[in-house]
Amino acid sequence: MVNLIKPYLIQALLSDFIVELKRKYADKKRIKNKLNHQVTVYLALDDPYSYLLLQTLAELQHRYQIEFDFRTVLNKQTEMFPAPELWANNAFQDGVFLAKLYKLSFPEQPPKVSQQQTFTATAQLLHNELQPEYLTKALEIFSSYWQGDNGTLASLIDPVIQNHNECYQQHLNSNEAMLKQHGHYQSAMLHYGGEWYWGVDRLQYLEKRLNNLQLSVDQKVLFDQTHNIQQSGNALPVANDEKSPLIIYWSIRSPYSYIGLLRAKRLAAHFQVPLVVKPILPMVMRRMLVPKTKRMYILQDVNREATALDIPFGKVADPLGQGVERCYALFEYATANQLGVEFLLTYAQAVWSKGICSETDAGLKHIVEKSGLNWFEAKQYLDDNHWKSWAQNNLLALYQHDKWGVPSFSYENTTVFGQDRLLQIQFAIASSQQEG
């Protein structure tokens, strides 16, 4: 009974009505307490996304009637980052791409800074939080840190703080506890009126919200370029072995994978390149942790992305367990019938937007037939465990690209993590075809 009700509960929680209700409540509370429009900003010195976000805030403050409450953080919540080194490497690569996209400052190589320098500079940032002009001072520290100017960085740190940085440990702990208490786990986060906005990638949603509140001088949205990929409706990607394929490492349990597959299909069709999907097991089924806080933020964030991209989402029937197994058991059968991508898309739409319980025969039959396959034939493959081997092999292939999560996309020499980076894949395909 709970599984039947849950899709409707999630749909209600993610509905425009509830989102708007929460926003109105937050604004009434602000007015009652006679507060200005305040955005809490969580920044970590060693986080590329924080450095990029910091560079946008002066312009954001100029355009909107808002105040910032800066909170310096540093330590990552270990349960939220299963592969911290790969995450850091990927974040730097993202930084290079986003800096070029939005004309921001960012180095071509990671800075060589010691752990002690990072903590001492963080202590200075913590000290500056309680003084005027934090934004200006933070920009100087972040810029010298990321540009590898250790001399300037040292000159920006008060000698007293240099020798007493341990005195700022509790201040740091307090900021990190506040981040966790309010329901998040990453730096480069903006928190306004009960909602989270991550880095430059999600600034557009804050801009739109502030525009709706009539807080802007121009009603423009400046940070929305990552949505501008070229797409060709529902056309099928070309099946041509002579062309390099667009490969997606994918999981049926990842809502980002659902959005990413639909966008990748349209992108591949636009450029007429083959699309190859390599499913892998969800993290939980690989005996890894996905805390509730992370799951809830992901659902809310995907809901925003899906709405912006006009993709149905929200009536969720989590396929974890049997739903995943049945999906992967039938994937080879679907692929043999030239319907592999269509089957996965239909399956993803069913569990992420229609609330269909794929662990039941009735639900799976609907998915199979909707994707153009024969249910009588398909159900004969449900006990085939061959997928367990290729799913783990796909995971190894993902690791070989120095990526760890889904969806990840690969085209020739370019591999990116996250559907946010499909624009980078588009640039790679376009460049390759121009050279060809």
Protein backbone atom coordinates (compact mmCIF):
# COMPACT_ATOMS: atom_id res chain seq x y z
CA MET A 1 0.00 0.00 0.00
CA VAL A 2 2.85 2.40 0.90
CA ASN A 3 4.47 1.85 -2.52
CA LEU A 4 1.18 2.71 -4.22
CA ILE A 5 0.74 5.95 -2.25
CA LYS A 6 4.35 7.15 -2.30
CA PRO A 7 4.40 8.35 -5.96
CA TYR A 8 1.46 10.63 -5.23
CA LEU A 9 3.08 11.98 -2.06
CA ILE A 10 6.31 12.81 -3.89
CA GLN A 11 4.35 14.37 -6.75
CA ALA A 12 2.49 16.57 -4.26
CA LEU A 13 5.68 17.63 -2.45
CA LEU A 14 7.33 18.62 -5.74
CA SER A 15 4.24 20.32 -7.17
CA ASP A 16 4.28 23.99 -8.17
CA PHE A 17 1.54 24.60 -5.60
CA ILE A 18 3.64 23.34 -2.67
CA VAL A 19 6.80 25.06 -3.92
CA GLU A 20 4.95 28.37 -4.20
CA LEU A 21 3.32 27.84 -0.80
CA LYS A 22 6.72 27.35 0.82
CA ARG A 23 8.05 30.47 -0.86
CA LYS A 24 5.13 32.58 0.33
CA TYR A 25 5.56 31.24 3.86
CA ALA A 26 9.28 32.08 3.81
CA ASP A 27 8.56 35.61 2.59
CA LYS A 28 5.84 36.18 5.21
CA LYS A 29 8.26 35.03 7.89
CA ARG A 30 10.90 37.42 6.56
CA ILE A 31 8.46 40.35 6.59
CA LYS A 32 7.20 39.49 10.08
CA ASN A 33 10.77 39.52 11.40
CA LYS A 34 11.49 42.77 9.51
CA LEU A 35 14.38 41.23 7.61
CA ASN A 36 15.83 42.20 4.26
CA HIS A 37 16.15 39.70 1.40
CA GLN A 38 19.18 37.77 2.60
CA VAL A 39 21.03 35.05 0.72
CA THR A 40 23.31 32.79 2.74
CA VAL A 41 26.44 31.87 0.79
CA TYR A 42 28.57 28.83 1.68
CA LEU A 43 32.08 29.01 0.20
CA ALA A 44 35.11 26.71 0.48
CA LEU A 45 38.51 28.06 -0.55
CA ASP A 46 39.64 24.82 -2.20
CA ASP A 47 36.39 24.36 -4.16
CA PRO A 48 36.52 25.47 -7.84
CA TYR A 49 32.75 26.03 -7.89
CA SER A 50 33.06 28.41 -4.93
CA TYR A 51 35.73 30.46 -6.71
CA LEU A 52 33.56 30.79 -9.82
CA LEU A 53 30.43 31.60 -7.82
CA LEU A 54 32.24 34.24 -5.79
CA GLN A 55 33.13 36.10 -8.99
CA THR A 56 29.45 36.50 -9.89
CA LEU A 57 28.18 37.82 -6.56
CA ALA A 58 29.14 41.49 -6.90
CA GLU A 59 27.14 41.73 -10.12
CA LEU A 60 24.28 39.79 -8.55
CA GLN A 61 24.20 42.19 -5.61
CA HIS A 62 24.28 45.16 -8.00
CA ARG A 63 21.33 43.82 -9.99
CA TYR A 64 19.16 42.72 -7.08
CA GLN A 65 18.04 44.20 -3.76
CA ILE A 66 19.65 41.46 -1.68
CA GLU A 67 22.17 41.05 1.11
CA PHE A 68 24.69 38.24 1.54
CA ASP A 69 25.45 36.31 4.70
CA PHE A 70 28.79 34.63 4.03
CA ARG A 71 29.68 31.34 5.68
CA THR A 72 33.14 29.92 5.05
CA VAL A 73 33.36 26.12 5.13
CA LEU A 74 36.13 23.66 4.29
CA ASN A 75 35.63 20.01 5.32
CA LYS A 76 33.50 17.75 3.14
CA GLN A 77 30.92 15.42 4.65
CA THR A 78 32.64 12.13 3.83
CA GLU A 79 29.43 10.13 3.40
CA MET A 80 28.36 12.50 0.62
CA PHE A 81 31.53 12.14 -1.49
CA PRO A 82 32.26 8.49 -2.38
CA ALA A 83 35.29 9.34 -4.56
CA PRO A 84 36.75 12.63 -3.27
CA GLU A 85 39.86 12.66 -5.48
CA LEU A 86 37.88 12.01 -8.65
CA TRP A 87 35.35 14.61 -7.52
CA ALA A 88 38.11 17.19 -7.05
CA ASN A 89 39.65 16.45 -10.46
CA ASN A 90 36.27 16.67 -12.14
CA ALA A 91 35.45 19.92 -10.32
CA PHE A 92 38.63 21.48 -11.66
CA GLN A 93 37.82 20.41 -15.22
CA ASP A 94 34.34 21.86 -14.76
CA GLY A 95 35.92 25.07 -13.53
CA VAL A 96 37.96 25.44 -16.72
CA PHE A 97 34.86 24.90 -18.87
CA LEU A 98 32.52 27.16 -16.90
CA ALA A 99 35.08 29.96 -16.70
CA LYS A 100 35.35 30.04 -20.48
CA LEU A 101 31.59 29.79 -20.90
CA TYR A 102 30.84 32.74 -18.59
CA LYS A 103 34.12 34.65 -19.07
CA LEU A 104 35.29 34.20 -15.48
CA SER A 105 38.81 33.86 -14.14
CA PHE A 106 40.20 30.36 -13.60
CA PRO A 107 43.66 28.74 -13.90
CA GLU A 108 44.63 26.19 -16.52
CA GLN A 109 46.37 24.06 -13.89
CA PRO A 110 45.44 23.35 -10.24
CA PRO A 111 47.31 25.52 -7.72
CA LYS A 112 50.07 24.01 -5.61
CA VAL A 113 48.99 24.93 -2.11
CA SER A 114 49.67 23.05 1.10
CA GLN A 115 46.96 21.88 3.46
CA GLN A 116 48.34 24.27 6.10
CA GLN A 117 48.13 27.24 3.69
CA THR A 118 44.55 26.29 2.85
CA PHE A 119 43.52 26.17 6.51
CA THR A 120 45.34 29.40 7.39
CA ALA A 121 43.72 31.26 4.49
CA THR A 122 40.38 29.77 5.54
CA ALA A 123 40.95 31.17 9.04
CA GLN A 124 41.45 34.61 7.50
CA LEU A 125 38.20 34.24 5.57
CA LEU A 126 36.42 33.26 8.80
CA HIS A 127 37.84 36.34 10.50
CA ASN A 128 36.67 38.53 7.61
CA GLU A 129 33.10 37.21 7.84
CA LEU A 130 32.46 39.45 10.83
CA GLN A 131 33.87 42.56 9.15
CA PRO A 132 32.66 44.79 6.30
CA GLU A 133 33.75 44.16 2.70
CA TYR A 134 33.93 40.38 2.98
CA LEU A 135 33.19 39.95 -0.72
CA THR A 136 36.09 42.16 -1.83
CA LYS A 137 38.53 40.61 0.64
CA ALA A 138 37.42 37.07 -0.19
CA LEU A 139 37.91 37.69 -3.91
CA GLU A 140 41.51 38.75 -3.24
CA ILE A 141 42.20 35.63 -1.18
CA PHE A 142 40.44 33.24 -3.57
CA SER A 143 42.15 34.78 -6.62
CA SER A 144 45.66 34.60 -5.18
CA TYR A 145 44.97 31.04 -3.99
CA TRP A 146 43.67 29.76 -7.33
CA GLN A 147 46.14 31.69 -9.48
CA GLY A 148 49.04 30.21 -7.48
CA ASP A 149 50.27 33.58 -6.19
CA ASN A 150 51.50 32.37 -2.82
CA GLY A 151 53.31 35.63 -2.08
CA THR A 152 50.15 37.70 -2.39
CA LEU A 153 48.18 35.05 -0.49
CA ALA A 154 50.64 35.25 2.41
CA SER A 155 50.43 39.05 2.45
CA LEU A 156 46.63 38.89 2.78
CA ILE A 157 46.81 36.84 5.98
CA ASP A 158 47.25 38.68 9.25
CA PRO A 159 50.36 37.38 11.11
CA VAL A 160 48.29 36.99 14.29
CA ILE A 161 45.83 34.75 12.42
CA GLN A 162 48.77 32.91 10.86
CA ASN A 163 49.99 31.98 14.33
CA HIS A 164 46.57 31.37 15.89
CA ASN A 165 44.50 29.71 13.18
CA GLU A 166 43.33 27.01 15.61
CA CYS A 167 41.25 29.73 17.30
CA TYR A 168 38.94 29.66 14.26
CA GLN A 169 38.20 25.93 14.38
CA GLN A 170 34.95 26.30 16.32
CA HIS A 171 33.81 29.10 13.99
CA LEU A 172 34.44 26.73 11.07
CA ASN A 173 32.63 23.90 12.86
CA SER A 174 29.64 26.17 13.44
CA ASN A 175 29.39 27.12 9.76
CA GLU A 176 29.67 23.50 8.64
CA ALA A 177 27.07 22.41 11.18
CA MET A 178 24.72 25.14 9.91
CA LEU A 179 25.13 23.91 6.33
CA LYS A 180 24.26 20.37 7.40
CA GLN A 181 21.43 21.45 9.71
CA HIS A 182 19.74 23.41 6.90
CA GLY A 183 19.82 20.35 4.67
CA HIS A 184 22.89 20.43 2.44
CA TYR A 185 26.37 18.99 2.07
CA GLN A 186 28.22 21.00 -0.60
CA SER A 187 30.01 24.31 -0.75
CA ALA A 188 29.33 26.87 -3.49
CA MET A 189 25.75 26.86 -2.24
CA LEU A 190 23.29 29.74 -2.04
CA HIS A 191 20.41 29.39 0.42
CA TYR A 192 17.46 31.73 0.04
CA GLY A 193 13.96 31.38 1.44
CA GLY A 194 14.27 27.66 2.13
CA GLU A 195 15.69 26.70 -1.28
CA TRP A 196 19.21 25.77 -2.40
CA TYR A 197 21.04 26.99 -5.50
CA TRP A 198 24.32 25.33 -6.44
CA GLY A 199 27.11 27.35 -8.00
CA VAL A 200 26.97 29.09 -11.34
CA ASP A 201 24.94 26.18 -12.74
CA ARG A 202 21.87 26.99 -10.65
CA LEU A 203 22.11 30.78 -10.45
CA GLN A 204 19.44 31.06 -13.13
CA TYR A 205 16.81 29.72 -10.73
CA LEU A 206 17.69 32.28 -8.08
CA GLU A 207 17.65 35.00 -10.75
CA LYS A 208 14.18 33.97 -11.88
CA ARG A 209 12.89 33.84 -8.33
CA LEU A 210 14.26 37.30 -7.52
CA ASN A 211 12.83 38.61 -10.80
CA ASN A 212 9.41 37.30 -9.81
CA LEU A 213 9.72 39.20 -6.53
CA GLN A 214 10.43 42.38 -8.52
CA LEU A 215 13.83 42.74 -6.85
CA SER A 216 15.83 43.25 -10.04
CA VAL A 217 16.70 46.31 -12.08
CA ASP A 218 16.53 44.58 -15.46
CA GLN A 219 14.56 41.25 -15.18
CA LYS A 220 17.34 39.49 -17.07
CA VAL A 221 18.62 35.94 -16.53
CA LEU A 222 22.34 35.84 -17.25
CA PHE A 223 23.47 32.41 -16.09
CA ASP A 224 21.47 29.93 -18.16
CA GLN A 225 23.81 28.92 -20.98
CA THR A 226 24.22 25.26 -19.96
CA HIS A 227 20.66 24.57 -21.11
CA ASN A 228 21.41 25.75 -24.64
CA ILE A 229 22.16 22.44 -26.34
CA GLN A 230 20.97 21.67 -29.85
CA GLN A 231 18.28 19.01 -30.03
CA SER A 232 16.22 17.25 -32.69
CA GLY A 233 12.83 16.41 -31.20
CA ASN A 234 12.16 12.70 -30.84
CA ALA A 235 14.21 11.64 -33.86
CA LEU A 236 16.37 8.56 -33.41
CA PRO A 237 20.18 8.81 -33.40
CA VAL A 238 21.80 7.36 -36.51
CA ALA A 239 23.09 3.78 -36.41
CA ASN A 240 26.42 4.23 -38.17
CA ASP A 241 29.53 2.31 -37.12
CA GLU A 242 31.74 4.74 -39.04
CA LYS A 243 30.87 7.63 -36.72
CA SER A 244 32.15 7.97 -33.17
CA PRO A 245 29.34 7.26 -30.70
CA LEU A 246 28.07 9.39 -27.87
CA ILE A 247 28.34 7.06 -24.86
CA ILE A 248 26.32 7.55 -21.68
CA TYR A 249 27.06 5.75 -18.43
CA TRP A 250 23.65 5.47 -16.91
CA SER A 251 21.49 4.18 -14.06
CA ILE A 252 17.74 3.63 -14.02
CA ARG A 253 17.70 4.79 -10.39
CA SER A 254 19.28 8.17 -11.17
CA PRO A 255 16.76 10.91 -12.05
CA TYR A 256 19.60 12.91 -13.57
CA SER A 257 20.19 9.90 -15.84
CA TYR A 258 16.57 10.06 -16.96
CA ILE A 259 16.91 13.69 -17.99
CA GLY A 260 20.40 13.10 -19.39
CA LEU A 261 19.34 10.20 -21.60
CA LEU A 262 16.48 12.14 -23.13
CA ARG A 263 18.72 15.13 -23.83
CA ALA A 264 21.57 12.93 -25.11
CA LYS A 265 19.19 11.13 -27.47
CA ARG A 266 18.08 14.44 -28.97
CA LEU A 267 21.64 15.72 -29.17
CA ALA A 268 22.86 12.54 -30.90
CA ALA A 269 19.96 12.78 -33.34
CA HIS A 270 20.80 16.41 -34.11
CA PHE A 271 24.40 15.56 -35.03
CA GLN A 272 23.47 12.15 -36.45
CA VAL A 273 25.90 10.17 -34.28
CA PRO A 274 25.21 6.79 -32.66
CA LEU A 275 24.08 6.75 -29.03
CA VAL A 276 25.39 3.94 -26.82
CA VAL A 277 24.02 3.43 -23.30
CA LYS A 278 26.10 1.59 -20.69
CA PRO A 279 23.95 0.93 -17.59
CA ILE A 280 25.60 0.46 -14.21
CA LEU A 281 24.20 -0.50 -10.82
CA PRO A 282 22.98 2.29 -8.52
CA MET A 283 25.30 3.23 -5.65
CA VAL A 284 23.06 1.66 -3.00
CA MET A 285 23.06 -1.66 -4.87
CA ARG A 286 26.87 -1.41 -4.98
CA ARG A 287 26.76 -1.20 -1.15
CA MET A 288 27.56 2.50 -1.02
CA LEU A 289 25.90 5.27 0.99
CA VAL A 290 23.34 7.74 -0.37
CA PRO A 291 22.11 9.70 2.69
CA LYS A 292 18.53 10.95 2.84
CA THR A 293 19.61 14.61 2.71
CA LYS A 294 21.33 14.00 -0.62
CA ARG A 295 18.35 12.10 -2.05
CA MET A 296 15.91 14.87 -1.12
CA TYR A 297 18.04 17.64 -2.62
CA ILE A 298 18.48 15.63 -5.82
CA LEU A 299 14.73 15.19 -6.24
CA GLN A 300 14.10 18.91 -5.74
CA ASP A 301 16.93 19.91 -8.06
CA VAL A 302 15.90 17.48 -10.81
CA ASN A 303 12.35 18.76 -10.53
CA ARG A 304 13.58 22.29 -11.30
CA GLU A 305 15.72 21.08 -14.18
CA ALA A 306 12.91 18.98 -15.64
CA THR A 307 10.50 21.92 -15.48
CA ALA A 308 13.01 24.21 -17.19
CA LEU A 309 13.62 21.61 -19.91
CA ASP A 310 9.91 20.77 -20.30
CA ILE A 311 10.47 17.14 -19.27
CA PRO A 312 7.73 15.30 -17.31
CA PHE A 313 8.88 14.50 -13.77
CA GLY A 314 7.67 14.10 -10.21
CA LYS A 315 5.36 11.11 -9.85
CA VAL A 316 8.14 8.83 -8.65
CA ALA A 317 8.11 5.06 -8.13
CA ASP A 318 11.65 4.30 -6.97
CA PRO A 319 12.91 1.26 -8.95
CA LEU A 320 15.57 0.37 -6.36
CA GLY A 321 16.02 -3.39 -6.09
CA GLN A 322 13.76 -5.50 -8.30
CA GLY A 323 12.89 -2.56 -10.54
CA VAL A 324 16.55 -2.06 -11.41
CA GLU A 325 17.19 -5.77 -11.86
CA ARG A 326 14.20 -6.25 -14.19
CA CYS A 327 15.17 -3.24 -16.25
CA TYR A 328 18.72 -4.46 -16.79
CA ALA A 329 17.61 -8.08 -17.36
CA LEU A 330 15.55 -6.95 -20.37
CA PHE A 331 18.03 -4.43 -21.77
CA GLU A 332 19.89 -6.91 -23.99
CA TYR A 333 16.59 -8.25 -25.34
CA ALA A 334 15.47 -4.71 -26.15
CA THR A 335 18.82 -3.91 -27.77
CA ALA A 336 18.63 -7.03 -29.93
CA ASN A 337 15.33 -5.68 -31.22
CA GLN A 338 16.88 -2.25 -31.94
CA LEU A 339 14.84 -0.74 -29.10
CA GLY A 340 17.44 -0.53 -26.33
CA VAL A 341 17.42 3.27 -25.96
CA GLU A 342 13.65 3.47 -26.39
CA PHE A 343 13.15 0.79 -23.71
CA LEU A 344 15.36 2.60 -21.18
CA LEU A 345 13.69 5.93 -21.88
CA THR A 346 10.22 4.45 -21.55
CA TYR A 347 11.26 2.72 -18.34
CA ALA A 348 12.76 5.93 -16.92
CA GLN A 349 9.70 7.99 -17.83
CA ALA A 350 7.48 5.37 -16.20
CA VAL A 351 9.28 5.36 -12.85
CA TRP A 352 10.25 9.05 -12.70
CA SER A 353 7.17 10.78 -14.10
CA LYS A 354 4.25 8.31 -14.15
CA GLY A 355 4.61 6.50 -10.83
CA ILE A 356 4.52 3.04 -12.42
CA CYS A 357 5.78 0.30 -10.09
CA SER A 358 8.21 -1.58 -12.30
CA GLU A 359 8.73 -4.38 -9.79
CA THR A 360 5.21 -5.62 -10.55
CA ASP A 361 4.37 -7.64 -13.65
CA ALA A 362 1.53 -5.26 -14.50
CA GLY A 363 3.86 -2.25 -14.33
CA LEU A 364 6.64 -3.92 -16.29
CA LYS A 365 4.23 -5.21 -18.93
CA HIS A 366 3.04 -1.65 -19.50
CA ILE A 367 6.64 -0.44 -19.90
CA VAL A 368 7.62 -3.28 -22.24
CA GLU A 369 4.65 -2.85 -24.53
CA LYS A 370 4.86 0.95 -24.47
CA SER A 371 8.44 0.72 -25.73
CA GLY A 372 7.34 -1.48 -28.66
CA LEU A 373 8.43 -4.87 -27.32
CA ASN A 374 6.53 -8.11 -26.85
CA TRP A 375 5.68 -8.90 -23.23
CA PHE A 376 5.36 -12.66 -23.80
CA GLU A 377 8.89 -12.73 -25.26
CA ALA A 378 10.35 -10.25 -22.79
CA LYS A 379 9.28 -11.98 -19.56
CA GLN A 380 11.28 -15.05 -20.54
CA TYR A 381 14.47 -13.03 -19.97
CA LEU A 382 13.63 -11.83 -16.45
CA ASP A 383 15.62 -14.60 -14.77
CA ASP A 384 18.71 -14.02 -16.92
CA ASN A 385 21.51 -12.75 -14.67
CA HIS A 386 24.02 -12.08 -17.45
CA TRP A 387 23.49 -8.36 -16.91
CA LYS A 388 25.31 -8.56 -13.58
CA SER A 389 28.58 -9.09 -15.41
CA TRP A 390 28.22 -6.34 -18.01
CA ALA A 391 26.88 -3.83 -15.48
CA GLN A 392 30.06 -4.20 -13.42
CA ASN A 393 32.20 -4.09 -16.58
CA ASN A 394 30.47 -0.82 -17.51
CA LEU A 395 31.41 0.50 -14.08
CA LEU A 396 35.07 -0.35 -14.73
CA ALA A 397 34.87 1.43 -18.08
CA LEU A 398 33.49 4.49 -16.30
CA TYR A 399 36.37 4.38 -13.81
CA GLN A 400 38.83 4.25 -16.71
CA HIS A 401 37.55 7.69 -17.70
CA ASP A 402 38.30 8.87 -14.15
CA LYS A 403 34.60 9.37 -13.47
CA TRP A 404 32.61 7.70 -10.72
CA GLY A 405 28.96 8.71 -11.05
CA VAL A 406 26.05 8.83 -13.44
CA PRO A 407 25.13 10.13 -15.80
CA SER A 408 28.54 10.53 -17.41
CA PHE A 409 28.91 11.21 -21.12
CA SER A 410 31.81 10.39 -23.40
CA TYR A 411 32.53 11.41 -26.97
CA GLU A 412 35.94 10.64 -28.44
CA ASN A 413 38.46 12.33 -26.09
CA THR A 414 35.89 14.24 -24.02
CA THR A 415 34.24 12.71 -20.95
CA VAL A 416 32.07 14.71 -18.54
CA PHE A 417 30.03 13.99 -15.44
CA GLY A 418 26.46 15.23 -15.16
CA GLN A 419 23.75 16.28 -17.58
CA ASP A 420 24.77 19.88 -16.87
CA ARG A 421 27.83 19.28 -19.05
CA LEU A 422 26.07 18.11 -22.22
CA LEU A 423 26.93 21.49 -23.71
CA GLN A 424 30.59 20.49 -23.46
CA ILE A 425 29.79 17.27 -25.32
CA GLN A 426 27.97 19.31 -27.96
CA PHE A 427 31.08 21.46 -28.46
CA ALA A 428 33.21 18.29 -28.80
CA ILE A 429 30.90 16.75 -31.43
CA ALA A 430 30.61 19.98 -33.39
CA SER A 431 34.39 20.47 -33.35
CA SER A 432 35.01 16.88 -34.48
CA GLN A 433 32.55 17.14 -37.36
CA GLN A 434 34.02 20.45 -38.51
CA GLU A 435 37.49 18.89 -38.57
CA GLY A 436 36.12 15.87 -40.43
